[in-house]
Amino acid sequence: MSKIHLQRPHVLGLDGARQAVQRVADEMTAKYGLQCEWAGDVLSFSRAGVSGTLAVAEAEILLEAELGVLLSAFRPRIEEQLQKNFDHYFS
């Protein structure tokens, strides 16, 4: 198993960041079939080969993900795409 940890400051405020995370979740659900569920300010997500959380705070977001064996081989590419998405949604 391979883990991904990304932490990013933002200036969107809590509500703005939650809305941005929801947009990301909606896209990931449509594109990759992720199952997503909110518990407070933490979005949990999962599908075959990946699971994790995206925690939203007033001034930062924190992604913790665990990749299964098959997706572990693509970790660098996945992290690169996540960085681009974070730049797009949280800058």
N, C-alpha and C. Protein backbone atom coordinates (compact mmCIF):
# COMPACT_ATOMS: atom_id res chain seq x y z
N MET A 1 0.84 -1.18 0.00
CA MET A 1 0.00 0.00 0.00
C MET A 1 0.88 1.25 0.00
N SER A 2 0.40 2.28 -0.64
CA SER A 2 1.12 3.54 -0.74
C SER A 2 0.21 4.65 -0.23
N LYS A 3 0.80 5.60 0.48
CA LYS A 3 0.02 6.69 1.06
C LYS A 3 0.37 8.01 0.40
N ILE A 4 -0.64 8.87 0.32
CA ILE A 4 -0.46 10.23 -0.18
C ILE A 4 -0.92 11.18 0.92
N HIS A 5 -0.11 12.18 1.19
CA HIS A 5 -0.43 13.21 2.18
C HIS A 5 -0.18 14.56 1.53
N LEU A 6 -1.23 15.35 1.39
CA LEU A 6 -1.10 16.70 0.84
C LEU A 6 -1.80 17.67 1.77
N GLN A 7 -1.11 18.75 2.07
CA GLN A 7 -1.67 19.80 2.92
C GLN A 7 -1.47 21.11 2.18
N ARG A 8 -2.54 21.90 2.11
CA ARG A 8 -2.48 23.12 1.32
C ARG A 8 -3.22 24.25 2.02
N PRO A 9 -2.58 25.40 2.19
CA PRO A 9 -3.32 26.56 2.71
C PRO A 9 -4.26 27.10 1.63
N HIS A 10 -5.29 27.78 2.06
CA HIS A 10 -6.21 28.43 1.12
C HIS A 10 -6.75 29.71 1.76
N VAL A 11 -7.38 30.53 0.95
CA VAL A 11 -7.96 31.78 1.43
C VAL A 11 -9.47 31.82 1.18
N LEU A 12 -10.08 30.66 0.99
CA LEU A 12 -11.49 30.58 0.65
C LEU A 12 -12.42 30.64 1.85
N GLY A 13 -11.90 30.51 3.05
CA GLY A 13 -12.75 30.38 4.22
C GLY A 13 -13.35 28.99 4.28
N LEU A 14 -13.96 28.66 5.39
CA LEU A 14 -14.49 27.31 5.57
C LEU A 14 -15.58 26.98 4.57
N ASP A 15 -16.56 27.86 4.41
CA ASP A 15 -17.66 27.58 3.48
C ASP A 15 -17.20 27.49 2.04
N GLY A 16 -16.33 28.40 1.63
CA GLY A 16 -15.81 28.37 0.26
C GLY A 16 -14.99 27.12 0.00
N ALA A 17 -14.20 26.69 0.96
CA ALA A 17 -13.40 25.48 0.79
C ALA A 17 -14.29 24.24 0.74
N ARG A 18 -15.33 24.20 1.58
CA ARG A 18 -16.27 23.07 1.53
C ARG A 18 -16.93 22.97 0.16
N GLN A 19 -17.32 24.12 -0.39
CA GLN A 19 -17.94 24.13 -1.72
C GLN A 19 -16.96 23.63 -2.77
N ALA A 20 -15.70 24.05 -2.68
CA ALA A 20 -14.68 23.61 -3.64
C ALA A 20 -14.46 22.10 -3.50
N VAL A 21 -14.38 21.60 -2.28
CA VAL A 21 -14.20 20.16 -2.06
C VAL A 21 -15.39 19.39 -2.63
N GLN A 22 -16.59 19.93 -2.46
CA GLN A 22 -17.76 19.24 -3.01
C GLN A 22 -17.71 19.19 -4.53
N ARG A 23 -17.25 20.28 -5.16
CA ARG A 23 -17.10 20.26 -6.63
C ARG A 23 -16.11 19.18 -7.06
N VAL A 24 -14.99 19.10 -6.34
CA VAL A 24 -13.99 18.05 -6.64
C VAL A 24 -14.62 16.68 -6.46
N ALA A 25 -15.34 16.48 -5.36
CA ALA A 25 -15.97 15.19 -5.10
C ALA A 25 -16.97 14.82 -6.19
N ASP A 26 -17.76 15.79 -6.63
CA ASP A 26 -18.73 15.54 -7.70
C ASP A 26 -18.03 15.11 -8.98
N GLU A 27 -16.92 15.78 -9.32
CA GLU A 27 -16.17 15.41 -10.52
C GLU A 27 -15.56 14.02 -10.39
N MET A 28 -14.98 13.72 -9.23
CA MET A 28 -14.35 12.42 -9.02
C MET A 28 -15.38 11.29 -9.01
N THR A 29 -16.56 11.59 -8.50
CA THR A 29 -17.63 10.60 -8.51
C THR A 29 -18.05 10.30 -9.94
N ALA A 30 -18.23 11.34 -10.73
CA ALA A 30 -18.65 11.15 -12.12
C ALA A 30 -17.56 10.47 -12.95
N LYS A 31 -16.32 10.87 -12.74
CA LYS A 31 -15.23 10.38 -13.57
C LYS A 31 -14.71 9.01 -13.14
N TYR A 32 -14.63 8.77 -11.82
CA TYR A 32 -13.98 7.56 -11.32
C TYR A 32 -14.87 6.68 -10.45
N GLY A 33 -16.11 7.07 -10.25
CA GLY A 33 -17.01 6.26 -9.45
C GLY A 33 -16.70 6.24 -7.96
N LEU A 34 -16.10 7.32 -7.45
CA LEU A 34 -15.82 7.39 -6.02
C LEU A 34 -17.11 7.45 -5.22
N GLN A 35 -17.11 6.83 -4.06
CA GLN A 35 -18.18 6.99 -3.09
C GLN A 35 -17.71 8.03 -2.09
N CYS A 36 -18.50 9.06 -1.85
CA CYS A 36 -18.10 10.15 -0.97
C CYS A 36 -19.16 10.38 0.10
N GLU A 37 -18.69 10.75 1.29
CA GLU A 37 -19.61 11.03 2.39
C GLU A 37 -18.98 12.04 3.34
N TRP A 38 -19.76 13.06 3.69
CA TRP A 38 -19.31 14.08 4.64
C TRP A 38 -19.59 13.63 6.06
N ALA A 39 -18.66 13.92 6.96
CA ALA A 39 -18.85 13.78 8.41
C ALA A 39 -18.26 15.05 9.01
N GLY A 40 -19.10 16.02 9.29
CA GLY A 40 -18.61 17.32 9.73
C GLY A 40 -17.88 18.00 8.59
N ASP A 41 -16.63 18.38 8.83
CA ASP A 41 -15.83 19.04 7.81
C ASP A 41 -14.82 18.10 7.15
N VAL A 42 -15.11 16.81 7.19
CA VAL A 42 -14.24 15.81 6.59
C VAL A 42 -15.02 15.01 5.56
N LEU A 43 -14.50 14.98 4.35
CA LEU A 43 -15.09 14.19 3.28
C LEU A 43 -14.31 12.89 3.17
N SER A 44 -14.99 11.77 3.37
CA SER A 44 -14.37 10.45 3.18
C SER A 44 -14.70 9.99 1.77
N PHE A 45 -13.74 9.35 1.13
CA PHE A 45 -13.96 8.84 -0.22
C PHE A 45 -13.35 7.46 -0.36
N SER A 46 -13.92 6.67 -1.27
CA SER A 46 -13.38 5.34 -1.51
C SER A 46 -13.91 4.78 -2.82
N ARG A 47 -13.18 3.84 -3.32
CA ARG A 47 -13.54 3.00 -4.47
C ARG A 47 -12.49 1.92 -4.49
N ALA A 48 -12.64 0.96 -5.34
CA ALA A 48 -11.66 -0.12 -5.42
C ALA A 48 -10.28 0.47 -5.67
N GLY A 49 -9.33 0.19 -4.80
CA GLY A 49 -7.96 0.63 -4.99
C GLY A 49 -7.57 1.93 -4.33
N VAL A 50 -8.51 2.66 -3.76
CA VAL A 50 -8.17 3.92 -3.11
C VAL A 50 -9.21 4.27 -2.05
N SER A 51 -8.74 4.84 -0.95
CA SER A 51 -9.63 5.37 0.07
C SER A 51 -8.91 6.49 0.79
N GLY A 52 -9.68 7.36 1.42
CA GLY A 52 -9.03 8.44 2.14
C GLY A 52 -10.01 9.47 2.63
N THR A 53 -9.43 10.59 3.08
CA THR A 53 -10.22 11.71 3.59
C THR A 53 -9.66 13.02 3.07
N LEU A 54 -10.54 14.00 3.01
CA LEU A 54 -10.16 15.36 2.68
C LEU A 54 -10.79 16.25 3.75
N ALA A 55 -9.94 16.74 4.65
CA ALA A 55 -10.41 17.55 5.77
C ALA A 55 -10.32 19.03 5.41
N VAL A 56 -11.37 19.76 5.73
CA VAL A 56 -11.47 21.18 5.41
C VAL A 56 -11.40 21.99 6.70
N ALA A 57 -10.54 22.99 6.72
CA ALA A 57 -10.46 23.93 7.84
C ALA A 57 -10.54 25.34 7.29
N GLU A 58 -10.61 26.30 8.16
CA GLU A 58 -10.77 27.70 7.77
C GLU A 58 -9.69 28.16 6.80
N ALA A 59 -8.45 27.70 6.99
CA ALA A 59 -7.35 28.23 6.18
C ALA A 59 -6.50 27.14 5.51
N GLU A 60 -6.91 25.87 5.60
CA GLU A 60 -6.14 24.81 4.94
C GLU A 60 -7.01 23.60 4.67
N ILE A 61 -6.53 22.78 3.74
CA ILE A 61 -7.15 21.49 3.47
C ILE A 61 -6.07 20.43 3.63
N LEU A 62 -6.51 19.24 3.99
CA LEU A 62 -5.58 18.14 4.23
C LEU A 62 -6.14 16.88 3.59
N LEU A 63 -5.38 16.33 2.66
CA LEU A 63 -5.75 15.10 1.98
C LEU A 63 -4.89 13.96 2.51
N GLU A 64 -5.53 12.89 2.91
CA GLU A 64 -4.86 11.65 3.29
C GLU A 64 -5.49 10.55 2.45
N ALA A 65 -4.69 9.86 1.68
CA ALA A 65 -5.21 8.80 0.82
C ALA A 65 -4.30 7.58 0.89
N GLU A 66 -4.93 6.43 0.72
CA GLU A 66 -4.18 5.18 0.68
C GLU A 66 -4.51 4.48 -0.64
N LEU A 67 -3.46 4.19 -1.39
CA LEU A 67 -3.62 3.55 -2.69
C LEU A 67 -3.40 2.05 -2.56
N GLY A 68 -4.19 1.29 -3.24
CA GLY A 68 -4.01 -0.15 -3.28
C GLY A 68 -2.79 -0.52 -4.12
N VAL A 69 -2.51 -1.78 -4.17
CA VAL A 69 -1.31 -2.27 -4.85
C VAL A 69 -1.24 -1.83 -6.31
N LEU A 70 -2.33 -1.98 -7.03
CA LEU A 70 -2.30 -1.64 -8.46
C LEU A 70 -2.12 -0.14 -8.70
N LEU A 71 -2.80 0.69 -7.92
CA LEU A 71 -2.68 2.14 -8.11
C LEU A 71 -1.37 2.69 -7.56
N SER A 72 -0.72 1.96 -6.67
CA SER A 72 0.55 2.42 -6.11
C SER A 72 1.59 2.69 -7.19
N ALA A 73 1.53 1.93 -8.26
CA ALA A 73 2.47 2.13 -9.37
C ALA A 73 2.29 3.49 -10.04
N PHE A 74 1.10 4.06 -9.91
CA PHE A 74 0.80 5.34 -10.54
C PHE A 74 0.85 6.50 -9.55
N ARG A 75 1.39 6.28 -8.38
CA ARG A 75 1.40 7.30 -7.33
C ARG A 75 1.97 8.65 -7.80
N PRO A 76 3.14 8.68 -8.46
CA PRO A 76 3.66 9.99 -8.91
C PRO A 76 2.70 10.73 -9.83
N ARG A 77 2.09 10.03 -10.73
CA ARG A 77 1.14 10.64 -11.67
C ARG A 77 -0.12 11.12 -10.94
N ILE A 78 -0.59 10.33 -9.98
CA ILE A 78 -1.76 10.70 -9.19
C ILE A 78 -1.46 11.94 -8.35
N GLU A 79 -0.30 11.97 -7.70
CA GLU A 79 0.07 13.14 -6.90
C GLU A 79 0.20 14.39 -7.76
N GLU A 80 0.76 14.25 -8.93
CA GLU A 80 0.88 15.39 -9.85
C GLU A 80 -0.49 15.94 -10.21
N GLN A 81 -1.43 15.07 -10.52
CA GLN A 81 -2.78 15.51 -10.87
C GLN A 81 -3.48 16.14 -9.67
N LEU A 82 -3.27 15.57 -8.49
CA LEU A 82 -3.86 16.16 -7.28
C LEU A 82 -3.32 17.56 -7.04
N GLN A 83 -2.03 17.77 -7.23
CA GLN A 83 -1.44 19.10 -7.06
C GLN A 83 -2.07 20.10 -8.03
N LYS A 84 -2.27 19.68 -9.27
CA LYS A 84 -2.91 20.55 -10.26
C LYS A 84 -4.33 20.88 -9.85
N ASN A 85 -5.07 19.87 -9.37
CA ASN A 85 -6.45 20.10 -8.92
C ASN A 85 -6.47 21.06 -7.73
N PHE A 86 -5.55 20.87 -6.79
CA PHE A 86 -5.49 21.77 -5.64
C PHE A 86 -5.19 23.19 -6.10
N ASP A 87 -4.27 23.35 -7.05
CA ASP A 87 -3.96 24.68 -7.59
C ASP A 87 -5.22 25.31 -8.20
N HIS A 88 -5.96 24.52 -8.94
CA HIS A 88 -7.17 25.01 -9.62
C HIS A 88 -8.28 25.39 -8.65
N TYR A 89 -8.57 24.54 -7.68
CA TYR A 89 -9.73 24.74 -6.82
C TYR A 89 -9.46 25.57 -5.57
N PHE A 90 -8.21 25.60 -5.10
CA PHE A 90 -7.94 26.21 -3.79
C PHE A 90 -6.99 27.39 -3.84
N SER A 91 -6.71 27.92 -5.03
CA SER A 91 -5.82 29.09 -5.14
C SER A 91 -6.63 30.35 -5.31
